[in-house]
PDB file of N, CA and C in Angstrom:
ATOM      1  N   UNK A   1      21.893 -21.576  -9.009  1.00  0.00           N
ATOM      2  CA  UNK A   1      20.976 -21.085  -9.544  1.00  0.00           C
ATOM      3  C   UNK A   1      19.748 -21.272  -8.985  1.00  0.00           C
ATOM      4  N   UNK A   2      19.830 -22.747  -8.917  1.00  0.00           N
ATOM      5  CA  UNK A   2      18.341 -23.387  -7.995  1.00  0.00           C
ATOM      6  C   UNK A   2      17.955 -23.556  -7.179  1.00  0.00           C
ATOM      7  N   UNK A   3      19.090 -22.978  -6.096  1.00  0.00           N
ATOM      8  CA  UNK A   3      19.272 -22.962  -4.506  1.00  0.00           C
ATOM      9  C   UNK A   3      18.506 -21.011  -4.235  1.00  0.00           C
ATOM     10  N   UNK A   4      19.065 -20.632  -4.973  1.00  0.00           N
ATOM     11  CA  UNK A   4      19.234 -18.982  -4.963  1.00  0.00           C
ATOM     12  C   UNK A   4      17.754 -18.725  -5.273  1.00  0.00           C
ATOM     13  N   UNK A   5      16.926 -19.552  -6.058  1.00  0.00           N
ATOM     14  CA  UNK A   5      15.889 -18.981  -6.306  1.00  0.00           C
ATOM     15  C   UNK A   5      14.726 -19.869  -5.547  1.00  0.00           C
ATOM     16  N   UNK A   6      14.834 -21.326  -5.372  1.00  0.00           N
ATOM     17  CA  UNK A   6      14.408 -21.695  -4.000  1.00  0.00           C
ATOM     18  C   UNK A   6      14.459 -20.755  -3.075  1.00  0.00           C
ATOM     19  N   UNK A   7      15.406 -20.269  -2.514  1.00  0.00           N
ATOM     20  CA  UNK A   7      15.742 -19.340  -0.949  1.00  0.00           C
ATOM     21  C   UNK A   7      14.425 -18.323  -1.306  1.00  0.00           C
ATOM     22  N   UNK A   8      14.704 -17.541  -2.392  1.00  0.00           N
ATOM     23  CA  UNK A   8      14.151 -16.306  -2.668  1.00  0.00           C
ATOM     24  C   UNK A   8      12.679 -16.786  -2.522  1.00  0.00           C
ATOM     25  N   UNK A   9      11.939 -17.920  -3.193  1.00  0.00           N
ATOM     26  CA  UNK A   9      10.754 -18.200  -2.927  1.00  0.00           C
ATOM     27  C   UNK A   9      10.172 -18.446  -1.537  1.00  0.00           C
ATOM     28  N   UNK A  10      11.611 -19.317  -0.806  1.00  0.00           N
ATOM     29  CA  UNK A  10      10.880 -19.272   0.385  1.00  0.00           C
ATOM     30  C   UNK A  10      10.906 -17.791   1.257  1.00  0.00           C
ATOM     31  N   UNK A  11      11.656 -16.822   1.345  1.00  0.00           N
ATOM     32  CA  UNK A  11      11.279 -15.814   1.670  1.00  0.00           C
ATOM     33  C   UNK A  11      10.450 -15.256   1.282  1.00  0.00           C
ATOM     34  N   UNK A  12       9.668 -14.822   0.027  1.00  0.00           N
ATOM     35  CA  UNK A  12       8.892 -14.230  -0.227  1.00  0.00           C
ATOM     36  C   UNK A  12       7.768 -14.952   0.572  1.00  0.00           C
ATOM     37  N   UNK A  13       7.479 -16.253   0.566  1.00  0.00           N
ATOM     38  CA  UNK A  13       6.523 -17.071   0.808  1.00  0.00           C
ATOM     39  C   UNK A  13       6.074 -16.662   2.569  1.00  0.00           C
ATOM     40  N   UNK A  14       7.442 -16.495   3.278  1.00  0.00           N
ATOM     41  CA  UNK A  14       7.835 -16.470   4.764  1.00  0.00           C
ATOM     42  C   UNK A  14       6.867 -14.799   4.888  1.00  0.00           C
ATOM     43  N   UNK A  15       7.523 -13.990   4.138  1.00  0.00           N
ATOM     44  CA  UNK A  15       7.206 -12.672   4.149  1.00  0.00           C
ATOM     45  C   UNK A  15       5.728 -12.311   4.165  1.00  0.00           C
ATOM     46  N   UNK A  16       5.178 -13.178   3.033  1.00  0.00           N
ATOM     47  CA  UNK A  16       3.842 -12.821   2.982  1.00  0.00           C
ATOM     48  C   UNK A  16       2.878 -13.477   4.174  1.00  0.00           C
ATOM     49  N   UNK A  17       3.333 -14.837   4.507  1.00  0.00           N
ATOM     50  CA  UNK A  17       2.834 -15.284   5.833  1.00  0.00           C
ATOM     51  C   UNK A  17       2.764 -14.413   6.940  1.00  0.00           C
ATOM     52  N   UNK A  18       3.786 -13.626   7.197  1.00  0.00           N
ATOM     53  CA  UNK A  18       4.201 -12.611   7.995  1.00  0.00           C
ATOM     54  C   UNK A  18       3.186 -11.740   7.968  1.00  0.00           C
ATOM     55  N   UNK A  19       2.919 -11.242   7.048  1.00  0.00           N
ATOM     56  CA  UNK A  19       1.695 -10.590   6.340  1.00  0.00           C
ATOM     57  C   UNK A  19       0.512 -10.518   6.588  1.00  0.00           C
ATOM     58  N   UNK A  20       0.193 -11.766   6.212  1.00  0.00           N
ATOM     59  CA  UNK A  20      -1.614 -12.002   6.388  1.00  0.00           C
ATOM     60  C   UNK A  20      -1.738 -12.346   7.949  1.00  0.00           C
ATOM     61  N   UNK A  21      -0.388 -12.865   8.538  1.00  0.00           N
ATOM     62  CA  UNK A  21      -1.048 -13.026  10.406  1.00  0.00           C
ATOM     63  C   UNK A  21      -0.833 -11.463  11.280  1.00  0.00           C
ATOM     64  N   UNK A  22      -0.069 -10.718  10.512  1.00  0.00           N
ATOM     65  CA  UNK A  22      -0.311  -9.362  10.811  1.00  0.00           C
ATOM     66  C   UNK A  22      -1.385  -8.465  10.372  1.00  0.00           C
ATOM     67  N   UNK A  23      -2.168  -8.696   9.143  1.00  0.00           N
ATOM     68  CA  UNK A  23      -3.130  -8.386   8.943  1.00  0.00           C
ATOM     69  C   UNK A  23      -4.436  -9.196   9.941  1.00  0.00           C
ATOM     70  N   UNK A  24      -4.540 -10.626  10.179  1.00  0.00           N
ATOM     71  CA  UNK A  24      -5.044 -10.927  10.766  1.00  0.00           C
ATOM     72  C   UNK A  24      -5.680 -10.339  12.497  1.00  0.00           C
ATOM     73  N   UNK A  25      -4.206  -9.935  12.809  1.00  0.00           N
ATOM     74  CA  UNK A  25      -4.092  -9.557  14.079  1.00  0.00           C
ATOM     75  C   UNK A  25      -4.587  -7.873  14.300  1.00  0.00           C
ATOM     76  N   UNK A  26      -4.276  -7.433  12.885  1.00  0.00           N
ATOM     77  CA  UNK A  26      -4.594  -5.830  13.245  1.00  0.00           C
ATOM     78  C   UNK A  26      -6.492  -5.775  13.104  1.00  0.00           C
ATOM     79  N   UNK A  27      -7.185  -6.979  12.721  1.00  0.00           N
ATOM     80  CA  UNK A  27      -8.266  -7.086  12.420  1.00  0.00           C
ATOM     81  C   UNK A  27      -8.951  -7.964  13.836  1.00  0.00           C
ATOM     82  N   UNK A  28      -8.179  -8.187  14.774  1.00  0.00           N
ATOM     83  CA  UNK A  28      -8.813  -8.782  16.163  1.00  0.00           C
ATOM     84  C   UNK A  28      -8.506  -7.733  16.813  1.00  0.00           C
ATOM     85  N   UNK A  29      -7.207  -6.854  16.754  1.00  0.00           N
ATOM     86  CA  UNK A  29      -7.621  -5.767  17.502  1.00  0.00           C
ATOM     87  C   UNK A  29      -8.135  -4.673  17.303  1.00  0.00           C
ATOM     88  N   UNK A  30      -8.667  -4.693  16.073  1.00  0.00           N
ATOM     89  CA  UNK A  30      -9.739  -3.524  15.822  1.00  0.00           C
ATOM     90  C   UNK A  30     -10.980  -3.638  16.053  1.00  0.00           C
ATOM     91  N   UNK A  31     -11.472  -5.112  16.786  1.00  0.00           N
ATOM     92  CA  UNK A  31     -12.669  -5.184  16.748  1.00  0.00           C
ATOM     93  C   UNK A  31     -13.114  -6.131  15.834  1.00  0.00           C
ATOM     94  N   UNK A  32     -12.842  -6.247  14.771  1.00  0.00           N
ATOM     95  CA  UNK A  32     -13.484  -6.915  13.152  1.00  0.00           C
ATOM     96  C   UNK A  32     -13.656  -8.290  13.479  1.00  0.00           C
ATOM     97  N   UNK A  33     -12.978  -8.933  14.108  1.00  0.00           N
ATOM     98  CA  UNK A  33     -13.489 -10.567  13.935  1.00  0.00           C
ATOM     99  C   UNK A  33     -14.418 -10.765  15.115  1.00  0.00           C
ATOM    100  N   UNK A  34     -14.910  -9.881  15.865  1.00  0.00           N
ATOM    101  CA  UNK A  34     -16.123  -9.817  16.812  1.00  0.00           C
ATOM    102  C   UNK A  34     -17.688 -10.465  15.809  1.00  0.00           C
ATOM    103  N   UNK A  35     -17.090  -9.914  14.889  1.00  0.00           N
ATOM    104  CA  UNK A  35     -18.433 -10.422  13.945  1.00  0.00           C
ATOM    105  C   UNK A  35     -17.972 -11.021  12.754  1.00  0.00           C
ATOM    106  N   UNK A  36     -16.496 -10.923  12.247  1.00  0.00           N
ATOM    107  CA  UNK A  36     -16.626 -11.279  10.974  1.00  0.00           C
ATOM    108  C   UNK A  36     -15.605 -12.897  11.180  1.00  0.00           C
ATOM    109  N   UNK A  37     -15.185 -13.435  10.217  1.00  0.00           N
ATOM    110  CA  UNK A  37     -14.207 -14.678  10.441  1.00  0.00           C
ATOM    111  C   UNK A  37     -13.586 -14.681   8.861  1.00  0.00           C
ATOM    112  N   UNK A  38     -12.441 -15.181   8.867  1.00  0.00           N
ATOM    113  CA  UNK A  38     -11.613 -15.107   7.142  1.00  0.00           C
ATOM    114  C   UNK A  38     -12.289 -16.178   6.580  1.00  0.00           C
ATOM    115  N   UNK A  39     -12.907 -17.390   6.825  1.00  0.00           N
ATOM    116  CA  UNK A  39     -13.590 -18.434   6.226  1.00  0.00           C
ATOM    117  C   UNK A  39     -14.804 -18.506   6.541  1.00  0.00           C
ATOM    118  N   UNK A  40     -15.594 -18.319   7.462  1.00  0.00           N
ATOM    119  CA  UNK A  40     -16.927 -18.418   7.531  1.00  0.00           C
ATOM    120  C   UNK A  40     -18.232 -17.799   8.196  1.00  0.00           C
ATOM    121  N   UNK A  41     -18.979 -17.655   7.960  1.00  0.00           N
ATOM    122  CA  UNK A  41     -20.038 -16.381   8.300  1.00  0.00           C
ATOM    123  C   UNK A  41     -20.320 -16.468   9.954  1.00  0.00           C
ATOM    124  N   UNK A  42     -20.322 -15.803  10.489  1.00  0.00           N
ATOM    125  CA  UNK A  42     -20.884 -15.128  11.878  1.00  0.00           C
ATOM    126  C   UNK A  42     -21.782 -14.332  11.569  1.00  0.00           C
ATOM    127  N   UNK A  43     -21.607 -13.190  12.623  1.00  0.00           N
ATOM    128  CA  UNK A  43     -22.926 -11.806  12.582  1.00  0.00           C
ATOM    129  C   UNK A  43     -22.935 -11.160  11.572  1.00  0.00           C
ATOM    130  N   UNK A  44     -21.972 -11.508  10.678  1.00  0.00           N
ATOM    131  CA  UNK A  44     -21.552 -10.828   9.401  1.00  0.00           C
ATOM    132  C   UNK A  44     -20.776 -11.381   8.894  1.00  0.00           C
ATOM    133  N   UNK A  45     -20.725 -11.621   7.084  1.00  0.00           N
ATOM    134  CA  UNK A  45     -20.289 -12.253   5.790  1.00  0.00           C
ATOM    135  C   UNK A  45     -18.880 -12.884   6.785  1.00  0.00           C
ATOM    136  N   UNK A  46     -18.303 -13.614   6.176  1.00  0.00           N
ATOM    137  CA  UNK A  46     -16.860 -13.903   5.885  1.00  0.00           C
ATOM    138  C   UNK A  46     -15.945 -13.083   5.068  1.00  0.00           C
ATOM    139  N   UNK A  47     -14.818 -12.763   5.287  1.00  0.00           N
ATOM    140  CA  UNK A  47     -14.124 -11.967   4.614  1.00  0.00           C
ATOM    141  C   UNK A  47     -13.684 -12.563   3.461  1.00  0.00           C
ATOM    142  N   UNK A  48     -14.204 -13.849   2.883  1.00  0.00           N
ATOM    143  CA  UNK A  48     -13.619 -14.421   1.611  1.00  0.00           C
ATOM    144  C   UNK A  48     -14.978 -14.577   0.514  1.00  0.00           C
ATOM    145  N   UNK A  49     -16.207 -14.353   1.603  1.00  0.00           N
ATOM    146  CA  UNK A  49     -17.769 -14.215   1.006  1.00  0.00           C
ATOM    147  C   UNK A  49     -17.556 -12.285   0.493  1.00  0.00           C
ATOM    148  N   UNK A  50     -16.763 -11.471   1.345  1.00  0.00           N
ATOM    149  CA  UNK A  50     -16.521 -10.558   1.016  1.00  0.00           C
ATOM    150  C   UNK A  50     -15.678 -10.125  -0.372  1.00  0.00           C
ATOM    151  N   UNK A  51     -14.488 -10.694  -0.104  1.00  0.00           N
ATOM    152  CA  UNK A  51     -13.451 -10.761  -1.592  1.00  0.00           C
ATOM    153  C   UNK A  51     -14.311 -11.399  -2.781  1.00  0.00           C
ATOM    154  N   UNK A  52     -15.192 -12.685  -2.443  1.00  0.00           N
ATOM    155  CA  UNK A  52     -15.891 -13.026  -3.976  1.00  0.00           C
ATOM    156  C   UNK A  52     -16.742 -11.836  -4.562  1.00  0.00           C
ATOM    157  N   UNK A  53     -17.478 -11.423  -3.358  1.00  0.00           N
ATOM    158  CA  UNK A  53     -18.498 -10.323  -3.699  1.00  0.00           C
ATOM    159  C   UNK A  53     -18.360  -9.302  -5.117  1.00  0.00           C
ATOM    160  N   UNK A  54     -16.985  -8.681  -4.382  1.00  0.00           N
ATOM    161  CA  UNK A  54     -16.594  -7.756  -4.882  1.00  0.00           C
ATOM    162  C   UNK A  54     -15.296  -7.872  -5.751  1.00  0.00           C
ATOM    163  N   UNK A  55     -14.876  -8.610  -6.063  1.00  0.00           N
ATOM    164  CA  UNK A  55     -13.659  -9.431  -6.779  1.00  0.00           C
ATOM    165  C   UNK A  55     -13.038  -8.240  -8.085  1.00  0.00           C
ATOM    166  N   UNK A  56     -14.602  -8.367  -8.763  1.00  0.00           N
ATOM    167  CA  UNK A  56     -14.086  -7.617  -9.954  1.00  0.00           C
ATOM    168  C   UNK A  56     -14.911  -6.114 -10.080  1.00  0.00           C
ATOM    169  N   UNK A  57     -14.899  -5.802  -8.921  1.00  0.00           N
ATOM    170  CA  UNK A  57     -15.810  -4.067  -8.754  1.00  0.00           C
ATOM    171  C   UNK A  57     -14.397  -3.477  -8.600  1.00  0.00           C
ATOM    172  N   UNK A  58     -14.167  -2.853  -9.372  1.00  0.00           N
ATOM    173  CA  UNK A  58     -13.039  -1.836  -9.244  1.00  0.00           C
ATOM    174  C   UNK A  58     -13.118  -0.591  -8.416  1.00  0.00           C
ATOM    175  N   UNK A  59     -14.413  -0.244  -7.803  1.00  0.00           N
ATOM    176  CA  UNK A  59     -14.604   0.701  -6.700  1.00  0.00           C
ATOM    177  C   UNK A  59     -14.789   0.245  -5.531  1.00  0.00           C
ATOM    178  N   UNK A  60     -14.637  -1.001  -5.696  1.00  0.00           N
ATOM    179  CA  UNK A  60     -14.760  -1.936  -4.148  1.00  0.00           C
ATOM    180  C   UNK A  60     -13.675  -1.227  -3.132  1.00  0.00           C
ATOM    181  N   UNK A  61     -12.538  -1.030  -3.183  1.00  0.00           N
ATOM    182  CA  UNK A  61     -11.789  -0.495  -2.374  1.00  0.00           C
ATOM    183  C   UNK A  61     -12.653   0.619  -1.870  1.00  0.00           C
ATOM    184  N   UNK A  62     -12.606   1.527  -2.001  1.00  0.00           N
ATOM    185  CA  UNK A  62     -12.990   3.030  -1.806  1.00  0.00           C
ATOM    186  C   UNK A  62     -14.434   2.459  -0.961  1.00  0.00           C
ATOM    187  N   UNK A  63     -15.062   2.042  -1.922  1.00  0.00           N
ATOM    188  CA  UNK A  63     -16.890   1.837  -1.387  1.00  0.00           C
ATOM    189  C   UNK A  63     -16.617   0.807   0.165  1.00  0.00           C
ATOM    190  N   UNK A  64     -15.870  -0.080   0.458  1.00  0.00           N
ATOM    191  CA  UNK A  64     -15.438  -0.633   1.562  1.00  0.00           C
ATOM    192  C   UNK A  64     -15.417   0.190   2.411  1.00  0.00           C
ATOM    193  N   UNK A  65     -13.799   1.046   1.825  1.00  0.00           N
ATOM    194  CA  UNK A  65     -13.773   1.710   3.351  1.00  0.00           C
ATOM    195  C   UNK A  65     -14.860   2.682   3.966  1.00  0.00           C
ATOM    196  N   UNK A  66     -15.370   3.295   3.344  1.00  0.00           N
ATOM    197  CA  UNK A  66     -16.258   4.512   3.312  1.00  0.00           C
ATOM    198  C   UNK A  66     -17.536   2.981   4.354  1.00  0.00           C
ATOM    199  N   UNK A  67     -17.495   2.343   3.964  1.00  0.00           N
ATOM    200  CA  UNK A  67     -18.382   1.176   4.792  1.00  0.00           C
ATOM    201  C   UNK A  67     -17.893   1.145   6.065  1.00  0.00           C
ATOM    202  N   UNK A  68     -16.722   0.527   6.048  1.00  0.00           N
ATOM    203  CA  UNK A  68     -15.849   0.033   7.137  1.00  0.00           C
ATOM    204  C   UNK A  68     -16.021   1.485   8.536  1.00  0.00           C
ATOM    205  N   UNK A  69     -15.648   2.320   7.558  1.00  0.00           N
ATOM    206  CA  UNK A  69     -15.379   3.454   8.456  1.00  0.00           C
ATOM    207  C   UNK A  69     -17.028   4.025   9.142  1.00  0.00           C
ATOM    208  N   UNK A  70     -17.930   4.037   8.257  1.00  0.00           N
ATOM    209  CA  UNK A  70     -19.592   4.750   8.466  1.00  0.00           C
ATOM    210  C   UNK A  70     -20.729   3.876   9.211  1.00  0.00           C
ATOM    211  N   UNK A  71     -20.076   2.415   8.930  1.00  0.00           N
ATOM    212  CA  UNK A  71     -21.073   1.677   9.065  1.00  0.00           C
ATOM    213  C   UNK A  71     -22.077   1.452   8.002  1.00  0.00           C
ATOM    214  N   UNK A  72     -22.805   0.512   8.041  1.00  0.00           N
ATOM    215  CA  UNK A  72     -23.729   0.148   6.631  1.00  0.00           C
ATOM    216  C   UNK A  72     -24.804  -0.780   7.270  1.00  0.00           C
ATOM    217  N   UNK A  73     -25.832  -0.972   6.587  1.00  0.00           N
ATOM    218  CA  UNK A  73     -26.903  -2.164   6.342  1.00  0.00           C
ATOM    219  C   UNK A  73     -27.422  -2.620   4.847  1.00  0.00           C
ATOM    220  N   UNK A  74     -27.937  -3.521   4.920  1.00  0.00           N
ATOM    221  CA  UNK A  74     -28.864  -3.653   3.897  1.00  0.00           C
ATOM    222  C   UNK A  74     -28.170  -4.896   2.901  1.00  0.00           C
ATOM    223  N   UNK A  75     -26.496  -4.922   2.872  1.00  0.00           N
ATOM    224  CA  UNK A  75     -26.116  -5.711   1.491  1.00  0.00           C
ATOM    225  C   UNK A  75     -26.047  -6.776   1.701  1.00  0.00           C
ATOM    226  N   UNK A  76     -25.603  -7.545   3.098  1.00  0.00           N
ATOM    227  CA  UNK A  76     -25.571  -8.904   3.470  1.00  0.00           C
ATOM    228  C   UNK A  76     -27.080  -9.323   4.604  1.00  0.00           C
ATOM    229  N   UNK A  77     -27.858  -8.359   4.863  1.00  0.00           N
ATOM    230  CA  UNK A  77     -28.903  -8.396   5.378  1.00  0.00           C
ATOM    231  C   UNK A  77     -29.035  -7.375   6.089  1.00  0.00           C
ATOM    232  N   UNK A  78     -30.144  -7.383   7.573  1.00  0.00           N
ATOM    233  CA  UNK A  78     -30.759  -6.685   7.998  1.00  0.00           C
ATOM    234  C   UNK A  78     -29.965  -6.691   9.122  1.00  0.00           C
ATOM    235  N   UNK A  79     -29.048  -7.097   9.656  1.00  0.00           N
ATOM    236  CA  UNK A  79     -28.090  -6.644  10.875  1.00  0.00           C
ATOM    237  C   UNK A  79     -27.018  -5.716  10.427  1.00  0.00           C
ATOM    238  N   UNK A  80     -27.029  -4.495  11.198  1.00  0.00           N
ATOM    239  CA  UNK A  80     -25.971  -3.410  10.657  1.00  0.00           C
ATOM    240  C   UNK A  80     -24.732  -3.449  11.205  1.00  0.00           C
ATOM    241  N   UNK A  81     -23.670  -3.142  10.660  1.00  0.00           N
ATOM    242  CA  UNK A  81     -22.152  -3.168  10.832  1.00  0.00           C
ATOM    243  C   UNK A  81     -22.342  -1.850  11.012  1.00  0.00           C
ATOM    244  N   UNK A  82     -21.721  -1.481  12.308  1.00  0.00           N
ATOM    245  CA  UNK A  82     -21.570  -0.262  13.307  1.00  0.00           C
ATOM    246  C   UNK A  82     -20.580   0.585  12.538  1.00  0.00           C
ATOM    247  N   UNK A  83     -20.273   2.206  12.666  1.00  0.00           N
ATOM    248  CA  UNK A  83     -19.282   2.759  12.398  1.00  0.00           C
ATOM    249  C   UNK A  83     -17.909   2.673  12.886  1.00  0.00           C
ATOM    250  N   UNK A  84     -17.034   2.302  12.600  1.00  0.00           N
ATOM    251  CA  UNK A  84     -15.684   2.086  13.161  1.00  0.00           C
ATOM    252  C   UNK A  84     -15.037   3.153  13.291  1.00  0.00           C
ATOM    253  N   UNK A  85     -15.347   4.462  13.659  1.00  0.00           N
ATOM    254  CA  UNK A  85     -14.569   5.739  13.522  1.00  0.00           C
ATOM    255  C   UNK A  85     -13.548   5.516  14.220  1.00  0.00           C
ATOM    256  N   UNK A  86     -13.033   4.623  15.249  1.00  0.00           N
ATOM    257  CA  UNK A  86     -12.020   4.596  16.179  1.00  0.00           C
ATOM    258  C   UNK A  86     -11.138   3.797  15.541  1.00  0.00           C
ATOM    259  N   UNK A  87     -11.439   3.247  14.457  1.00  0.00           N
ATOM    260  CA  UNK A  87     -10.061   2.268  13.746  1.00  0.00           C
ATOM    261  C   UNK A  87      -9.259   3.688  12.724  1.00  0.00           C
ATOM    262  N   UNK A  88      -7.961   3.676  13.048  1.00  0.00           N
ATOM    263  CA  UNK A  88      -7.263   4.638  11.931  1.00  0.00           C
ATOM    264  C   UNK A  88      -7.595   4.572  10.359  1.00  0.00           C
ATOM    265  N   UNK A  89      -7.205   5.509   9.698  1.00  0.00           N
ATOM    266  CA  UNK A  89      -7.816   5.414   8.365  1.00  0.00           C
ATOM    267  C   UNK A  89      -6.912   4.451   7.712  1.00  0.00           C
ATOM    268  N   UNK A  90      -5.569   4.390   7.856  1.00  0.00           N
ATOM    269  CA  UNK A  90      -4.654   3.500   7.112  1.00  0.00           C
ATOM    270  C   UNK A  90      -4.527   2.326   7.614  1.00  0.00           C
ATOM    271  N   UNK A  91      -4.918   1.814   8.742  1.00  0.00           N
ATOM    272  CA  UNK A  91      -5.728   0.670   9.177  1.00  0.00           C
ATOM    273  C   UNK A  91      -6.668   0.175   8.590  1.00  0.00           C
ATOM    274  N   UNK A  92      -7.751   0.874   8.102  1.00  0.00           N
ATOM    275  CA  UNK A  92      -9.070   0.474   7.350  1.00  0.00           C
ATOM    276  C   UNK A  92      -8.408  -0.142   5.926  1.00  0.00           C
ATOM    277  N   UNK A  93      -7.730   0.838   5.581  1.00  0.00           N
ATOM    278  CA  UNK A  93      -7.078   0.710   4.171  1.00  0.00           C
ATOM    279  C   UNK A  93      -6.416  -0.529   4.046  1.00  0.00           C
ATOM    280  N   UNK A  94      -5.608  -0.868   5.090  1.00  0.00           N
ATOM    281  CA  UNK A  94      -4.870  -2.274   4.843  1.00  0.00           C
ATOM    282  C   UNK A  94      -5.898  -3.028   4.654  1.00  0.00           C
ATOM    283  N   UNK A  95      -6.781  -3.182   5.997  1.00  0.00           N
ATOM    284  CA  UNK A  95      -7.785  -4.427   6.549  1.00  0.00           C
ATOM    285  C   UNK A  95      -8.266  -4.277   4.885  1.00  0.00           C
ATOM    286  N   UNK A  96      -8.796  -3.223   4.325  1.00  0.00           N
ATOM    287  CA  UNK A  96     -10.116  -3.761   3.176  1.00  0.00           C
ATOM    288  C   UNK A  96      -8.862  -4.238   2.304  1.00  0.00           C
ATOM    289  N   UNK A  97      -7.759  -3.603   2.021  1.00  0.00           N
ATOM    290  CA  UNK A  97      -6.962  -4.487   0.901  1.00  0.00           C
ATOM    291  C   UNK A  97      -6.160  -5.813   1.297  1.00  0.00           C
ATOM    292  N   UNK A  98      -6.428  -5.948   2.430  1.00  0.00           N
ATOM    293  CA  UNK A  98      -6.352  -7.528   2.790  1.00  0.00           C
ATOM    294  C   UNK A  98      -7.515  -8.139   2.249  1.00  0.00           C
ATOM    295  N   UNK A  99      -8.692  -7.774   2.654  1.00  0.00           N
ATOM    296  CA  UNK A  99      -9.724  -9.026   2.681  1.00  0.00           C
ATOM    297  C   UNK A  99     -10.118  -9.104   0.928  1.00  0.00           C
ATOM    298  N   UNK A 100      -9.887  -8.268   0.455  1.00  0.00           N
ATOM    299  CA  UNK A 100      -9.981  -8.320  -0.923  1.00  0.00           C
ATOM    300  C   UNK A 100      -8.888  -8.770  -1.875  1.00  0.00           C
ATOM    301  N   UNK A 101      -7.854  -9.131  -0.943  1.00  0.00           N
ATOM    302  CA  UNK A 101      -6.953 -10.105  -1.671  1.00  0.00           C
ATOM    303  C   UNK A 101      -7.504 -11.225  -1.014  1.00  0.00           C
ATOM    304  N   UNK A 102      -7.978 -12.199  -0.426  1.00  0.00           N
ATOM    305  CA  UNK A 102      -8.004 -13.370  -0.248  1.00  0.00           C
ATOM    306  C   UNK A 102      -8.940 -13.959  -1.280  1.00  0.00           C
ATOM    307  N   UNK A 103      -8.825 -15.649  -1.238  1.00  0.00           N
ATOM    308  CA  UNK A 103      -9.509 -16.271  -1.961  1.00  0.00           C
ATOM    309  C   UNK A 103     -10.145 -17.366  -1.831  1.00  0.00           C
TER     310      UNK A 103
END
């Protein structure tokens, strides 16, 4: 039984790592990593800073989807985030969900 649980935990961990890697690749291919990084500030805030800021906000996912799609300015400083209309809606939803899951 312990071996089965260990094997399940290993599989779950590998699946999670693959998902995180896939989401990071999606962020790179969408152009997001030009201004953002996972854990350090660049032109824009780090994804972990974004996750921390919106952690307890139940409206964050919808608001961030809108901001990523249309662009924005003022929340993190005066440097504007350009609109990302070229990114598919489902990809934006995936990226926002992933970013908000970071700790």
